[in-house]
C-alpha cells in the first residue's frame, strides 16, 4: 500500500531583487508536510478551508509538489526549490502519527526541466542491488552521484519505509 500527498508550494515572488534577478525561494520538505499535521489549515478557492491528518503510515509514501498552475491566459511553473533528505526522512518529527516505522528512504524522484508549456521529464531511481542512483530519460540510463539527487528539481518523490528497504537489500 502507498499514500500520495500533494504539497502546496509557496507562491513565486512577483518582484525581482536588487540585481534584477528573480528570487527563487527554498522550502524544506518538512515544512510542506505540516499540511498533514491535523492542525494546519489549507485554503483553496475551489475547496475552501481544510485540515488534513494522516492516521496511519504506508510502506511507500509518494509526495508531489504542485508546481504547475493554469489560468485563462497562460500556464506557469513554480520554481521553488524543495530541500529534502535522501535517507532517513522521519515524518514523526513534523506529523503526529502512530508509533512504528516512521522513517523513510528516497527510492525515486521525477523531475521536470524547462518551461511549463514544454520541457522534458526524467526520473532518478535508486537501484538496491548495486546501491547506485541512475537517471532515466527516454531510452537513456546513466549513473549519477547521490549529490545530484539531493539538488534535483523534484516534481514527485517516492519514499519507502526503512524496514521495507532493509528487507529488500537482505
C-alpha atoms as a PDB file:
ATOM      1  CA  UNK A   1       0.000   0.000   0.000  1.00  0.00           C
ATOM      2  CA  UNK A   2       1.012   3.602  -0.562  1.00  0.00           C
ATOM      3  CA  UNK A   3      -0.125   7.114   0.258  1.00  0.00           C
ATOM      4  CA  UNK A   4       0.074  10.037  -2.174  1.00  0.00           C
ATOM      5  CA  UNK A   5       0.366  13.525  -0.673  1.00  0.00           C
ATOM      6  CA  UNK A   6       0.013  16.756  -2.684  1.00  0.00           C
ATOM      7  CA  UNK A   7       2.314  19.505  -1.406  1.00  0.00           C
ATOM      8  CA  UNK A   8       1.391  23.177  -1.779  1.00  0.00           C
ATOM      9  CA  UNK A   9       4.409  25.240  -2.780  1.00  0.00           C
ATOM     10  CA  UNK A  10       4.634  28.863  -1.639  1.00  0.00           C
ATOM     11  CA  UNK A  11       3.734  31.323  -4.392  1.00  0.00           C
ATOM     12  CA  UNK A  12       6.520  32.551  -6.640  1.00  0.00           C
ATOM     13  CA  UNK A  13       7.725  36.096  -5.938  1.00  0.00           C
ATOM     14  CA  UNK A  14       6.225  38.800  -8.134  1.00  0.00           C
ATOM     15  CA  UNK A  15       9.162  41.186  -7.863  1.00  0.00           C
ATOM     16  CA  UNK A  16      12.833  40.953  -8.737  1.00  0.00           C
ATOM     17  CA  UNK A  17      15.709  41.551  -6.345  1.00  0.00           C
ATOM     18  CA  UNK A  18      18.179  44.485  -6.484  1.00  0.00           C
ATOM     19  CA  UNK A  19      20.235  42.721  -9.167  1.00  0.00           C
ATOM     20  CA  UNK A  20      17.122  42.411 -11.383  1.00  0.00           C
ATOM     21  CA  UNK A  21      17.016  38.644 -10.998  1.00  0.00           C
ATOM     22  CA  UNK A  22      14.063  36.642  -9.796  1.00  0.00           C
ATOM     23  CA  UNK A  23      14.385  35.331  -6.294  1.00  0.00           C
ATOM     24  CA  UNK A  24      13.831  31.566  -6.193  1.00  0.00           C
ATOM     25  CA  UNK A  25      12.542  30.581  -2.766  1.00  0.00           C
ATOM     26  CA  UNK A  26      13.603  27.432  -0.947  1.00  0.00           C
ATOM     27  CA  UNK A  27      11.413  25.453   1.405  1.00  0.00           C
ATOM     28  CA  UNK A  28      12.187  22.258   3.363  1.00  0.00           C
ATOM     29  CA  UNK A  29      10.030  19.200   2.679  1.00  0.00           C
ATOM     30  CA  UNK A  30       9.255  19.048   6.412  1.00  0.00           C
ATOM     31  CA  UNK A  31       7.594  22.487   6.216  1.00  0.00           C
ATOM     32  CA  UNK A  32       5.345  21.322   3.372  1.00  0.00           C
ATOM     33  CA  UNK A  33       4.442  18.122   5.254  1.00  0.00           C
ATOM     34  CA  UNK A  34       2.994  20.203   8.120  1.00  0.00           C
ATOM     35  CA  UNK A  35      -0.117  20.477   5.928  1.00  0.00           C
ATOM     36  CA  UNK A  36      -0.921  16.955   7.179  1.00  0.00           C
ATOM     37  CA  UNK A  37      -0.498  17.556  10.935  1.00  0.00           C
ATOM     38  CA  UNK A  38      -4.270  17.802  11.551  1.00  0.00           C
ATOM     39  CA  UNK A  39      -3.983  21.415  12.718  1.00  0.00           C
ATOM     40  CA  UNK A  40      -2.624  23.470   9.820  1.00  0.00           C
ATOM     41  CA  UNK A  41      -5.438  24.989   7.754  1.00  0.00           C
ATOM     42  CA  UNK A  42      -5.103  24.775   3.978  1.00  0.00           C
ATOM     43  CA  UNK A  43      -7.111  27.181   1.852  1.00  0.00           C
ATOM     44  CA  UNK A  44      -8.281  26.692  -1.688  1.00  0.00           C
ATOM     45  CA  UNK A  45     -10.508  28.872  -3.844  1.00  0.00           C
ATOM     46  CA  UNK A  46     -12.412  25.843  -5.133  1.00  0.00           C
ATOM     47  CA  UNK A  47     -12.476  23.682  -1.974  1.00  0.00           C
ATOM     48  CA  UNK A  48     -12.437  26.217   0.871  1.00  0.00           C
ATOM     49  CA  UNK A  49     -10.609  25.642   4.151  1.00  0.00           C
ATOM     50  CA  UNK A  50      -9.467  22.142   5.159  1.00  0.00           C
ATOM     51  CA  UNK A  51      -7.244  20.358   7.633  1.00  0.00           C
ATOM     52  CA  UNK A  52      -5.581  17.062   6.781  1.00  0.00           C
ATOM     53  CA  UNK A  53      -4.446  14.303   9.132  1.00  0.00           C
ATOM     54  CA  UNK A  54      -2.533  11.106   8.402  1.00  0.00           C
ATOM     55  CA  UNK A  55      -3.939   8.274  10.513  1.00  0.00           C
ATOM     56  CA  UNK A  56      -1.521   5.520   9.501  1.00  0.00           C
ATOM     57  CA  UNK A  57       1.674   5.333   7.534  1.00  0.00           C
ATOM     58  CA  UNK A  58       2.081   3.140   4.448  1.00  0.00           C
ATOM     59  CA  UNK A  59       5.136   1.214   3.263  1.00  0.00           C
ATOM     60  CA  UNK A  60       5.522   3.683   0.385  1.00  0.00           C
ATOM     61  CA  UNK A  61       4.990   7.428   0.621  1.00  0.00           C
ATOM     62  CA  UNK A  62       4.567   9.437  -2.592  1.00  0.00           C
ATOM     63  CA  UNK A  63       4.808  13.210  -2.362  1.00  0.00           C
ATOM     64  CA  UNK A  64       4.267  15.519  -5.306  1.00  0.00           C
ATOM     65  CA  UNK A  65       4.848  19.236  -5.498  1.00  0.00           C
ATOM     66  CA  UNK A  66       2.065  21.218  -7.144  1.00  0.00           C
ATOM     67  CA  UNK A  67       4.452  23.032  -9.496  1.00  0.00           C
ATOM     68  CA  UNK A  68       2.099  23.856 -12.348  1.00  0.00           C
ATOM     69  CA  UNK A  69      -0.809  26.305 -12.356  1.00  0.00           C
ATOM     70  CA  UNK A  70      -3.060  27.273 -15.205  1.00  0.00           C
ATOM     71  CA  UNK A  71      -5.404  30.216 -15.587  1.00  0.00           C
ATOM     72  CA  UNK A  72      -7.351  31.712 -18.502  1.00  0.00           C
ATOM     73  CA  UNK A  73      -4.243  33.258 -20.027  1.00  0.00           C
ATOM     74  CA  UNK A  74      -1.209  31.041 -19.523  1.00  0.00           C
ATOM     75  CA  UNK A  75       0.396  28.155 -17.664  1.00  0.00           C
ATOM     76  CA  UNK A  76       3.085  28.749 -15.025  1.00  0.00           C
ATOM     77  CA  UNK A  77       5.713  26.613 -13.358  1.00  0.00           C
ATOM     78  CA  UNK A  78       6.654  27.325  -9.747  1.00  0.00           C
ATOM     79  CA  UNK A  79      10.478  27.150  -9.488  1.00  0.00           C
ATOM     80  CA  UNK A  80      10.576  26.854  -5.676  1.00  0.00           C
ATOM     81  CA  UNK A  81      13.379  24.564  -4.561  1.00  0.00           C
ATOM     82  CA  UNK A  82      12.199  21.888  -2.135  1.00  0.00           C
ATOM     83  CA  UNK A  83      15.038  20.653   0.064  1.00  0.00           C
ATOM     84  CA  UNK A  84      14.612  17.045   1.132  1.00  0.00           C
ATOM     85  CA  UNK A  85      16.543  14.224   2.752  1.00  0.00           C
ATOM     86  CA  UNK A  86      17.587  11.305   0.590  1.00  0.00           C
ATOM     87  CA  UNK A  87      17.865   8.998   3.605  1.00  0.00           C
ATOM     88  CA  UNK A  88      16.070   8.869   6.949  1.00  0.00           C
ATOM     89  CA  UNK A  89      13.042  11.088   6.286  1.00  0.00           C
ATOM     90  CA  UNK A  90      11.384  10.969   9.722  1.00  0.00           C
ATOM     91  CA  UNK A  91       7.783  12.075   9.357  1.00  0.00           C
ATOM     92  CA  UNK A  92       7.065  11.733  13.088  1.00  0.00           C
ATOM     93  CA  UNK A  93       9.109  14.888  13.750  1.00  0.00           C
ATOM     94  CA  UNK A  94       6.500  17.021  11.976  1.00  0.00           C
ATOM     95  CA  UNK A  95       3.314  14.962  11.709  1.00  0.00           C
ATOM     96  CA  UNK A  96       1.606  13.267  14.665  1.00  0.00           C
ATOM     97  CA  UNK A  97       1.427   9.635  13.542  1.00  0.00           C
ATOM     98  CA  UNK A  98       1.025   6.305  15.325  1.00  0.00           C
ATOM     99  CA  UNK A  99       4.153   4.678  16.729  1.00  0.00           C
ATOM    100  CA  UNK A 100       6.085   2.372  14.470  1.00  0.00           C
ATOM    101  CA  UNK A 101       8.317   2.755  11.448  1.00  0.00           C
ATOM    102  CA  UNK A 102       8.201   6.450  10.657  1.00  0.00           C
ATOM    103  CA  UNK A 103      11.480   6.738   8.772  1.00  0.00           C
ATOM    104  CA  UNK A 104      11.673   6.574   5.001  1.00  0.00           C
ATOM    105  CA  UNK A 105      14.395   6.436   2.344  1.00  0.00           C
ATOM    106  CA  UNK A 106      14.055   8.032  -1.087  1.00  0.00           C
ATOM    107  CA  UNK A 107      13.860   5.448  -3.888  1.00  0.00           C
ATOM    108  CA  UNK A 108      12.780   7.580  -6.866  1.00  0.00           C
ATOM    109  CA  UNK A 109      12.193  11.161  -7.871  1.00  0.00           C
ATOM    110  CA  UNK A 110      10.659  12.571 -11.017  1.00  0.00           C
ATOM    111  CA  UNK A 111      11.985  15.841 -12.415  1.00  0.00           C
ATOM    112  CA  UNK A 112      10.755  18.371 -14.954  1.00  0.00           C
ATOM    113  CA  UNK A 113      13.248  20.584 -16.738  1.00  0.00           C
ATOM    114  CA  UNK A 114      12.212  23.501 -18.886  1.00  0.00           C
ATOM    115  CA  UNK A 115       9.215  25.806 -19.201  1.00  0.00           C
ATOM    116  CA  UNK A 116       5.690  24.999 -18.073  1.00  0.00           C
ATOM    117  CA  UNK A 117       4.395  24.602 -21.625  1.00  0.00           C
ATOM    118  CA  UNK A 118       7.232  22.318 -22.708  1.00  0.00           C
ATOM    119  CA  UNK A 119      10.374  20.841 -21.285  1.00  0.00           C
ATOM    120  CA  UNK A 120      11.256  17.258 -20.555  1.00  0.00           C
ATOM    121  CA  UNK A 121      10.781  14.733 -17.780  1.00  0.00           C
ATOM    122  CA  UNK A 122      13.360  12.429 -16.266  1.00  0.00           C
ATOM    123  CA  UNK A 123      13.466  10.123 -13.299  1.00  0.00           C
ATOM    124  CA  UNK A 124      16.184   9.408 -10.748  1.00  0.00           C
ATOM    125  CA  UNK A 125      15.988   5.823  -9.471  1.00  0.00           C
ATOM    126  CA  UNK A 126      17.831   4.041  -6.683  1.00  0.00           C
ATOM    127  CA  UNK A 127      18.962   0.513  -7.582  1.00  0.00           C
ATOM    128  CA  UNK A 128      19.205  -1.572  -4.411  1.00  0.00           C
ATOM    129  CA  UNK A 129      21.446  -4.428  -5.631  1.00  0.00           C
ATOM    130  CA  UNK A 130      24.342  -2.139  -6.544  1.00  0.00           C
ATOM    131  CA  UNK A 131      23.438   0.744  -4.176  1.00  0.00           C
ATOM    132  CA  UNK A 132      23.642   3.326  -7.009  1.00  0.00           C
ATOM    133  CA  UNK A 133      21.448   6.132  -8.379  1.00  0.00           C
ATOM    134  CA  UNK A 134      20.514   6.299 -12.078  1.00  0.00           C
ATOM    135  CA  UNK A 135      18.939   8.989 -14.275  1.00  0.00           C
ATOM    136  CA  UNK A 136      16.394   7.577 -16.718  1.00  0.00           C
ATOM    137  CA  UNK A 137      15.271   9.779 -19.600  1.00  0.00           C
ATOM    138  CA  UNK A 138      13.517   8.157 -22.545  1.00  0.00           C
ATOM    139  CA  UNK A 139      15.832   5.270 -23.514  1.00  0.00           C
ATOM    140  CA  UNK A 140      18.910   6.728 -21.820  1.00  0.00           C
ATOM    141  CA  UNK A 141      20.080   5.373 -18.448  1.00  0.00           C
ATOM    142  CA  UNK A 142      23.104   6.973 -16.781  1.00  0.00           C
ATOM    143  CA  UNK A 143      24.641   6.599 -13.346  1.00  0.00           C
ATOM    144  CA  UNK A 144      24.506   9.786 -11.225  1.00  0.00           C
ATOM    145  CA  UNK A 145      26.131  10.818  -7.979  1.00  0.00           C
ATOM    146  CA  UNK A 146      23.905  10.901  -4.861  1.00  0.00           C
ATOM    147  CA  UNK A 147      24.592  14.653  -4.506  1.00  0.00           C
ATOM    148  CA  UNK A 148      22.755  15.262  -7.789  1.00  0.00           C
ATOM    149  CA  UNK A 149      19.651  13.575  -6.373  1.00  0.00           C
ATOM    150  CA  UNK A 150      19.587  15.939  -3.396  1.00  0.00           C
ATOM    151  CA  UNK A 151      19.531  19.054  -5.603  1.00  0.00           C
ATOM    152  CA  UNK A 152      17.118  17.831  -8.278  1.00  0.00           C
ATOM    153  CA  UNK A 153      14.082  19.993  -9.074  1.00  0.00           C
ATOM    154  CA  UNK A 154      11.695  17.272  -7.969  1.00  0.00           C
ATOM    155  CA  UNK A 155       8.145  17.089  -9.267  1.00  0.00           C
ATOM    156  CA  UNK A 156       7.329  13.928  -7.308  1.00  0.00           C
ATOM    157  CA  UNK A 157       9.214  11.680  -4.904  1.00  0.00           C
ATOM    158  CA  UNK A 158       8.710   8.100  -3.791  1.00  0.00           C
ATOM    159  CA  UNK A 159       9.923   7.115  -0.342  1.00  0.00           C
ATOM    160  CA  UNK A 160       9.933   3.572   1.071  1.00  0.00           C
ATOM    161  CA  UNK A 161       9.792   2.773   4.760  1.00  0.00           C
ATOM    162  CA  UNK A 162      13.263   1.902   6.084  1.00  0.00           C
ATOM    163  CA  UNK A 163      12.089  -1.504   7.330  1.00  0.00           C
ATOM    164  CA  UNK A 164      10.828  -2.218   3.799  1.00  0.00           C
ATOM    165  CA  UNK A 165      14.061  -1.077   2.129  1.00  0.00           C
ATOM    166  CA  UNK A 166      16.218  -3.086   4.551  1.00  0.00           C
ATOM    167  CA  UNK A 167      14.198  -6.220   3.746  1.00  0.00           C
ATOM    168  CA  UNK A 168      14.729  -5.555   0.007  1.00  0.00           C
ATOM    169  CA  UNK A 169      18.515  -5.434   0.361  1.00  0.00           C
ATOM    170  CA  UNK A 170      18.784  -8.545   2.539  1.00  0.00           C
END
